[in-house]
Protein backbone atom coordinates (compact mmCIF):
# COMPACT_ATOMS: atom_id res chain seq x y z
CA UNK A 1 0.00 0.00 0.00
CA UNK A 2 2.87 2.35 0.80
CA UNK A 3 4.36 1.94 -2.65
CA UNK A 4 0.95 2.74 -4.20
CA UNK A 5 0.83 5.98 -2.30
CA UNK A 6 4.43 6.93 -2.99
CA UNK A 7 4.72 5.84 -6.64
CA UNK A 8 1.25 5.90 -8.25
CA UNK A 9 2.65 6.96 -11.62
CA UNK A 10 5.15 4.10 -11.63
CA UNK A 11 2.41 1.61 -10.80
CA UNK A 12 0.26 3.05 -13.57
CA UNK A 13 3.08 2.67 -16.07
CA UNK A 14 3.60 -0.95 -15.05
CA UNK A 15 -0.11 -1.74 -15.39
CA UNK A 16 -0.33 -0.09 -18.82
CA UNK A 17 2.80 -1.91 -19.97
CA UNK A 18 1.39 -5.27 -18.89
CA UNK A 19 -1.98 -4.51 -20.53
CA UNK A 20 -0.38 -3.50 -23.85
CA UNK A 21 1.83 -6.58 -23.79
CA UNK A 22 -1.18 -8.85 -23.23
CA UNK A 23 -3.12 -7.22 -26.07
CA UNK A 24 -0.08 -7.49 -28.35
CA UNK A 25 0.36 -11.17 -27.48
CA UNK A 26 -3.31 -12.02 -28.07
CA UNK A 27 -3.43 -10.34 -31.49
CA UNK A 28 0.17 -10.99 -32.55
CA UNK A 29 -0.85 -13.44 -35.27
CA UNK A 30 -3.95 -11.57 -36.46
CA UNK A 31 -4.40 -7.83 -36.08
CA UNK A 32 -0.71 -7.10 -35.53
CA UNK A 33 0.68 -9.79 -37.82
CA UNK A 34 2.22 -7.15 -40.06
CA UNK A 35 4.50 -6.07 -37.22
CA UNK A 36 5.22 -9.49 -35.71
CA UNK A 37 8.38 -10.11 -37.70
CA UNK A 38 10.17 -7.27 -35.95
CA UNK A 39 9.11 -8.57 -32.54
CA UNK A 40 10.20 -12.11 -33.31
CA UNK A 41 13.57 -10.85 -34.52
CA UNK A 42 14.02 -8.90 -31.29
CA UNK A 43 13.95 -5.46 -32.93
CA UNK A 44 10.97 -4.24 -30.90
CA UNK A 45 9.40 -5.29 -27.55
CA UNK A 46 6.07 -7.11 -27.45
CA UNK A 47 4.05 -4.11 -26.32
CA UNK A 48 5.30 -2.13 -29.33
CA UNK A 49 2.95 -4.16 -31.56
CA UNK A 50 -0.09 -2.47 -30.03
CA UNK A 51 1.61 0.93 -30.07
CA UNK A 52 2.59 0.67 -33.74
CA UNK A 53 -0.90 -0.55 -34.58
CA UNK A 54 -2.45 2.45 -32.84
CA UNK A 55 -0.13 4.75 -34.78
CA UNK A 56 -1.46 3.26 -38.04
CA UNK A 57 -5.06 3.37 -36.75
CA UNK A 58 -5.20 -0.43 -36.57
CA UNK A 59 -7.07 -1.68 -33.51
CA UNK A 60 -8.42 -5.10 -32.43
CA UNK A 61 -11.98 -3.83 -32.98
CA UNK A 62 -11.36 -2.37 -36.46
CA UNK A 63 -13.36 -5.25 -37.97
CA UNK A 64 -14.09 -8.88 -37.26
CA UNK A 65 -11.39 -10.04 -39.63
CA UNK A 66 -8.99 -7.12 -39.30
CA UNK A 67 -5.31 -7.97 -39.26
CA UNK A 68 -2.57 -5.37 -39.88
CA UNK A 69 -1.28 -2.74 -42.26
CA UNK A 70 1.96 -3.34 -44.06
CA UNK A 71 4.55 -1.48 -41.95
CA UNK A 72 6.14 1.52 -43.64
CA UNK A 73 9.64 0.12 -43.19
CA UNK A 74 8.86 -2.59 -45.78
CA UNK A 75 8.01 0.00 -48.39
CA UNK A 76 11.43 0.09 -50.02
CA UNK A 77 13.81 2.95 -50.94
CA UNK A 78 11.01 5.41 -51.73
CA UNK A 79 9.83 5.68 -48.10
CA UNK A 80 8.85 9.20 -47.21
CA UNK A 81 8.67 10.33 -50.84
CA UNK A 82 5.65 12.45 -51.64
CA UNK A 83 4.70 13.30 -55.21
CA UNK A 84 3.28 16.79 -55.40
CA UNK A 85 1.43 19.12 -57.72
CA UNK A 86 1.10 22.90 -57.39
CA UNK A 87 -2.49 23.96 -56.87
CA UNK A 88 -4.02 27.11 -55.38
CA UNK A 89 -4.92 27.21 -51.67
CA UNK A 90 -8.58 26.95 -50.65
CA UNK A 91 -10.30 25.72 -47.54
CA UNK A 92 -9.90 21.95 -47.29
CA UNK A 93 -13.16 20.06 -47.72
CA UNK A 94 -14.14 17.50 -45.13
CA UNK A 95 -12.63 14.14 -46.03
CA UNK A 96 -14.74 11.10 -46.85
CA UNK A 97 -15.22 8.92 -43.80
CA UNK A 98 -14.82 5.19 -44.35
CA UNK A 99 -16.83 2.72 -42.37
CA UNK A 100 -20.18 4.50 -42.59
CA UNK A 101 -23.06 3.37 -44.76
CA UNK A 102 -21.80 2.98 -48.36
CA UNK A 103 -22.70 5.89 -50.59
CA UNK A 104 -24.99 5.34 -53.55
CA UNK A 105 -22.65 4.34 -56.33
CA UNK A 106 -23.76 5.08 -59.87
CA UNK A 107 -21.96 6.03 -63.03
CA UNK A 108 -22.50 9.13 -65.15
CA UNK A 109 -24.85 7.28 -67.49
CA UNK A 110 -27.07 6.35 -64.55
CA UNK A 111 -26.02 2.77 -63.89
CA UNK A 112 -25.57 1.54 -60.33
CA UNK A 113 -22.80 -0.91 -59.39
CA UNK A 114 -25.03 -3.86 -60.22
CA UNK A 115 -25.26 -2.63 -63.82
CA UNK A 116 -28.92 -1.64 -63.65
CA UNK A 117 -29.98 1.44 -65.60
CA UNK A 118 -31.50 3.92 -63.14
CA UNK A 119 -31.71 6.91 -65.46
CA UNK A 120 -33.94 5.63 -68.23
CA UNK A 121 -31.02 5.78 -70.65
CA UNK A 122 -30.77 2.37 -72.28
CA UNK A 123 -28.00 3.26 -74.70
CA UNK A 124 -25.45 0.48 -74.60
CA UNK A 125 -21.98 1.55 -75.72
CA UNK A 126 -19.19 -1.00 -75.80
CA UNK A 127 -15.63 0.22 -75.32
CA UNK A 128 -12.53 -1.75 -76.15
CA UNK A 129 -9.01 -1.31 -74.86
CA UNK A 130 -6.65 0.08 -77.44
CA UNK A 131 -3.09 1.30 -77.84
CA UNK A 132 -2.37 4.99 -77.34
CA UNK A 133 0.64 7.29 -77.58
CA UNK A 134 2.41 8.87 -74.58
CA UNK A 135 0.47 12.14 -74.88
CA UNK A 136 -2.64 10.25 -73.79
CA UNK A 137 -1.45 10.77 -70.21
CA UNK A 138 -1.09 14.57 -70.31
CA UNK A 139 -4.50 14.92 -68.62
CA UNK A 140 -4.15 11.86 -66.36
CA UNK A 141 -3.69 11.70 -62.59
CA UNK A 142 -2.25 8.68 -60.77
CA UNK A 143 -3.34 8.03 -57.19
CA UNK A 144 -1.53 5.39 -55.18
CA UNK A 145 1.01 4.28 -52.61
CA UNK A 146 4.77 3.67 -52.81
CA UNK A 147 4.45 1.62 -55.97
CA UNK A 148 2.87 4.58 -57.75
CA UNK A 149 5.55 6.82 -56.24
CA UNK A 150 8.06 4.55 -57.99
CA UNK A 151 6.17 4.83 -61.28
CA UNK A 152 6.65 8.58 -61.15
CA UNK A 153 10.29 8.42 -60.11
CA UNK A 154 11.42 5.82 -62.62
CA UNK A 155 9.15 6.35 -65.64
CA UNK A 156 10.10 9.67 -67.22
CA UNK A 157 7.54 9.56 -70.06
CA UNK A 158 4.77 9.45 -67.45
CA UNK A 159 6.36 11.78 -64.93
CA UNK A 160 6.76 14.53 -67.52
CA UNK A 161 3.15 14.28 -68.68
CA UNK A 162 0.88 12.98 -65.93
CA UNK A 163 0.05 14.29 -62.47
CA UNK A 164 0.84 12.15 -59.42
CA UNK A 165 -1.00 12.29 -56.10
CA UNK A 166 0.88 9.45 -54.45
CA UNK A 167 2.36 8.79 -51.04
CA UNK A 168 4.19 5.95 -49.33
CA UNK A 169 1.84 3.81 -47.20
CA UNK A 170 -1.32 5.43 -48.58
CA UNK A 171 -4.45 3.28 -48.27
CA UNK A 172 -7.99 3.31 -49.59
CA UNK A 173 -9.13 4.11 -46.06
CA UNK A 174 -7.13 7.32 -45.66
CA UNK A 175 -6.70 8.55 -49.23
CA UNK A 176 -9.22 11.35 -48.57
CA UNK A 177 -8.22 11.89 -44.96
CA UNK A 178 -4.52 12.74 -45.13
CA UNK A 179 -2.99 15.97 -46.38
CA UNK A 180 -0.07 14.73 -48.45
CA UNK A 181 -0.07 16.87 -51.59
CA UNK A 182 2.45 19.69 -51.32
CA UNK A 183 1.76 23.19 -52.58
CA UNK A 184 3.50 26.50 -52.16
CA UNK A 185 1.14 27.22 -49.29
CA UNK A 186 1.55 23.89 -47.56
CA UNK A 187 0.01 20.44 -47.85
CA UNK A 188 -3.55 19.85 -48.98
CA UNK A 189 -5.81 16.81 -49.22
CA UNK A 190 -6.93 14.88 -52.28
CA UNK A 191 -10.43 16.37 -52.22
CA UNK A 192 -9.12 19.90 -52.52
CA UNK A 193 -6.61 18.95 -55.21
CA UNK A 194 -9.26 17.21 -57.32
CA UNK A 195 -11.64 20.12 -56.80
CA UNK A 196 -9.16 22.57 -58.26
CA UNK A 197 -7.85 20.47 -61.15
CA UNK A 198 -9.87 18.57 -63.75
CA UNK A 199 -8.48 15.45 -65.41
CA UNK A 200 -9.49 13.28 -68.33
CA UNK A 201 -8.29 10.07 -66.71
CA UNK A 202 -7.89 8.96 -63.10
CA UNK A 203 -5.74 5.90 -62.34
CA UNK A 204 -5.99 4.30 -58.89
CA UNK A 205 -3.81 1.59 -57.40
CA UNK A 206 -4.37 1.08 -53.69
CA UNK A 207 -4.90 -1.99 -51.56
CA UNK A 208 -1.62 -3.63 -50.57
CA UNK A 209 -0.93 -1.76 -47.32
CA UNK A 210 -4.42 -2.44 -46.02
CA UNK A 211 -4.72 -6.03 -47.24
CA UNK A 212 -4.76 -7.28 -43.65
CA UNK A 213 -7.48 -4.87 -42.55
CA UNK A 214 -11.12 -5.83 -42.92
CA UNK A 215 -12.69 -8.48 -45.13
CA UNK A 216 -13.26 -8.20 -48.88
CA UNK A 217 -16.70 -6.65 -48.54
CA UNK A 218 -15.42 -3.99 -46.14
CA UNK A 219 -12.57 -3.20 -48.54
CA UNK A 220 -14.86 -3.15 -51.58
CA UNK A 221 -17.33 -0.76 -49.90
CA UNK A 222 -14.50 1.59 -48.93
CA UNK A 223 -13.18 1.48 -52.49
CA UNK A 224 -16.66 2.22 -53.86
CA UNK A 225 -16.95 5.27 -51.61
CA UNK A 226 -13.62 6.59 -52.86
CA UNK A 227 -14.60 6.10 -56.50
CA UNK A 228 -17.95 7.72 -55.87
CA UNK A 229 -16.20 10.76 -54.40
CA UNK A 230 -13.73 10.95 -57.28
CA UNK A 231 -16.58 10.78 -59.79
CA UNK A 232 -18.28 13.64 -57.98
CA UNK A 233 -15.12 15.74 -58.24
CA UNK A 234 -14.13 14.54 -61.72
CA UNK A 235 -17.45 14.02 -63.56
CA UNK A 236 -15.94 13.79 -67.05
CA UNK A 237 -12.97 11.56 -66.27
CA UNK A 238 -12.40 7.95 -67.23
CA UNK A 239 -11.61 6.11 -64.00
CA UNK A 240 -9.20 3.19 -64.10
CA UNK A 241 -9.22 0.76 -61.18
CA UNK A 242 -5.81 -0.87 -61.31
CA UNK A 243 -5.55 -4.32 -59.80
CA UNK A 244 -3.19 -4.58 -56.83
CA UNK A 245 0.26 -5.64 -57.99
CA UNK A 246 1.38 -9.09 -56.87
CA UNK A 247 4.36 -9.87 -54.66
CA UNK A 248 7.03 -12.43 -55.50
CA UNK A 249 6.64 -16.12 -54.69
CA UNK A 250 9.35 -15.71 -52.08
CA UNK A 251 7.12 -13.24 -50.23
CA UNK A 252 3.78 -14.84 -51.00
CA UNK A 253 4.71 -18.33 -49.85
CA UNK A 254 5.77 -17.28 -46.34
CA UNK A 255 3.58 -14.28 -45.48
CA UNK A 256 0.15 -15.08 -44.04
CA UNK A 257 -1.12 -11.59 -44.88
CA UNK A 258 0.67 -10.21 -47.90
CA UNK A 259 0.33 -13.07 -50.32
CA UNK A 260 -1.04 -13.38 -53.84
CA UNK A 261 -4.05 -15.45 -52.83
CA UNK A 262 -5.34 -12.53 -50.77
CA UNK A 263 -4.33 -10.02 -53.45
CA UNK A 264 -6.28 -11.97 -56.08
CA UNK A 265 -9.31 -12.10 -53.82
CA UNK A 266 -9.20 -8.34 -53.26
CA UNK A 267 -8.73 -7.72 -56.98
CA UNK A 268 -11.77 -9.83 -57.81
CA UNK A 269 -13.83 -7.69 -55.43
CA UNK A 270 -12.83 -4.29 -56.82
CA UNK A 271 -13.11 -5.54 -60.41
CA UNK A 272 -16.85 -5.75 -59.79
CA UNK A 273 -16.97 -1.97 -59.38
CA UNK A 274 -16.18 -1.42 -63.06
CA UNK A 275 -19.15 -0.57 -65.26
CA UNK A 276 -17.07 -0.67 -68.49
CA UNK A 277 -18.54 2.67 -69.54
CA UNK A 278 -16.85 5.25 -67.36
CA UNK A 279 -15.07 2.98 -64.87
CA UNK A 280 -12.71 0.28 -66.09
CA UNK A 281 -10.72 -2.42 -64.33
CA UNK A 282 -7.21 -3.11 -65.63
CA UNK A 283 -4.72 -5.61 -64.23
CA UNK A 284 -1.09 -4.83 -64.94
CA UNK A 285 0.00 -8.07 -63.26
CA UNK A 286 -0.04 -9.74 -66.66
CA UNK A 287 2.95 -7.61 -67.60
CA UNK A 288 5.10 -8.46 -64.56
CA UNK A 289 3.99 -11.94 -63.44
CA UNK A 290 5.87 -15.20 -63.90
CA UNK A 291 4.22 -18.38 -65.18
CA UNK A 292 2.82 -19.14 -61.72
CA UNK A 293 1.08 -15.81 -61.24
CA UNK A 294 3.63 -14.26 -58.90
CA UNK A 295 5.60 -11.06 -59.38
CA UNK A 296 8.64 -12.12 -61.38
CA UNK A 297 11.53 -12.33 -58.90
CA UNK A 298 14.04 -10.65 -61.18
CA UNK A 299 11.88 -7.54 -61.45
CA UNK A 300 11.97 -6.76 -57.72
CA UNK A 301 14.75 -6.17 -55.21
CA UNK A 302 12.57 -6.49 -52.08
CA UNK A 303 9.80 -8.91 -53.23
CA UNK A 304 7.22 -6.10 -53.11
CA UNK A 305 8.35 -3.16 -55.26
CA UNK A 306 9.58 -3.05 -58.84
CA UNK A 307 13.18 -2.25 -59.65
CA UNK A 308 13.71 1.07 -61.41
CA UNK A 309 14.20 -0.62 -64.77
CA UNK A 310 11.06 -2.74 -64.34
CA UNK A 311 8.60 0.16 -64.35
CA UNK A 312 8.86 0.21 -68.14
CA UNK A 313 6.69 -2.92 -68.20
CA UNK A 314 3.92 -1.19 -66.26
CA UNK A 315 4.12 1.81 -68.56
CA UNK A 316 3.94 -0.36 -71.70
CA UNK A 317 0.90 -2.11 -70.28
CA UNK A 318 -0.85 1.24 -69.77
CA UNK A 319 -0.01 2.29 -73.32
CA UNK A 320 -1.66 -0.87 -74.69
CA UNK A 321 -4.71 -0.90 -72.41
CA UNK A 322 -6.43 2.46 -72.74
CA UNK A 323 -9.94 3.62 -73.48
CA UNK A 324 -10.59 6.29 -76.10
CA UNK A 325 -14.02 7.88 -76.15
């Protein structure tokens, strides 16, 4: 009792430390699986799993099947790199909140995500993918995580033509919440940037960092909300949903979270959001996969990201899989 009276703060610290360690231990193989490797290697203490998860807004109650975000320190040499565009400064609009009731999702022609015509317009136009020249991307914007950062850094034909709103560790859940686009007046969010700049094409590749968070339906609904918001801000743009890039077999075969089986499952879910009129699903994996459907080992130095010279394959795929209206 005397020690409680003399050192209440110390006792509180001990209790909190024990509680965090217990939570970390319970969810080490599920919610915090993405951080477990560092604990098992002795780089961080057990309680740090819960602390790192809280930093990334990953909690045991995030969803019934929630696991963990891919830690930033696995993102490769581009960590911390932010691709920016200069836009004028206006009051930032309130970001889209994920996890609420899904917004009504319909395309410009009046079709909902099930493909039903809700506008009375029964015109059925079929578009086919075709080859385009590099200038096709002069009015395009690319939204994504570290892999899209790499596309900008190592693909000059795209970097000199397209706009990039990309950031390391970006996810579909926070793409409208974070302020990561630099301007002369400071950083702004995606909503403000898309409000002030109109594009003809919007390319999205997100989904790897959050592959351990939520089930497929939760992820798909969040993706639909993001697309719905983009369509609101970019009513005339063609939206390309890019399938999540695979990891190598070396990574996929040993990682319970970041493996190609889960990536394929997520890709199948978001592919259903394409209406093939204004929203199209494209899968660049066909340009970088080996015969077994894994990212070709020779194209990556860390089993997750492409080497600088490998981004040419992604670029060539985009050139040969475009929609012209």
